[in-house]
Amino acid sequence: MQQRFEDKVVIVTGAGSGIGEATARRFVAEGARVVLTDSVADKIDAVVASLPEDRATAVTTDSSDYGQVAVMVQETVQRYGRLDVLVNNAGTITQGTVQDTSVEEWHRVIETDLSGVFYGTKAALEYLLESRGCIVNVSSVSGVAADWRMSAYNAAKGGVSNFTRAIALDHGKDGVRVNAVAPGFIWTDLTTEDGDPHELSDEFAGRIALGRGGLPEEVAAAITFLASDDARFITGVVLPVDGGTMASNGQPAQA
């Protein structure tokens, strides 16, 4: 495997499972030193235990708490002397219309999925300006167009997509690139009961051009591309990683 991140220092939030775990593993495989964060210590401890000891560190952090995020970033720089890449991946979800969604649930989703991206960016930016590093945010196809009964999640991910563009504009001339991926249906612990992919319903699979759900490793490949020098002239992009879901205009297949 290429060593595109040799001697680079990377933070991946929400790295205890799914896309975050796969992304952390990919960065490690490509030579980076990676700080994995999650609000659940056992999850990131288990991932780090399976990675080279000198390449991965677990730091329990609640991404919805700016104080915790700021301390985590500072400790990363104190330990490694620099920061090159921030992947804002931590997220949560709730379903329901506005009437179904409690104020507490709204704040939980917005604080984790949207404010957490702002917190990570704010805490890391001064160090990324020094290294001329980059940020990759994890948005969603739900941040490009809306779903039924997912108003809080749609609002949060829509915010992530446009926040990504705004920071790219503000700091491009400073040498900091900011992009996002917009995954479609991905098989993670949120979408499976036992960790193994299952068959999608015909209705759901019919909306995906490739006819299947994606794997966390496939999103990780897009994230590491955007973080690498291979993407050095790309910033402000929200890249769909969705098997072609967003290629459709929403109409059903014609006879």
Foldseek 3Di string as FASTA:
>chain_A
DAQQQALAEEEFEPCLWFLNVLLLVVNVVNHAQYEYEYQDQVSQVVSCVVGPVRRYHYDYAQLLDLVRLLVVLVVSCVVSVAHAEYELEFFDFDFADPVVDDPVNLCVHQSRLAVSVVSNCVSRVVRCLVVLHEYEYEAAVLLVPHDHGGVSNSVSSVNVLVVQLVVQVVCVVSSYAGEYEHEYAEQIVVNDPPSDDDQDPPVVLQLALQSGHHYSNQVSVVRVCCRGCVVSVDHSYHHYPYNCNVVDPPDGDDD
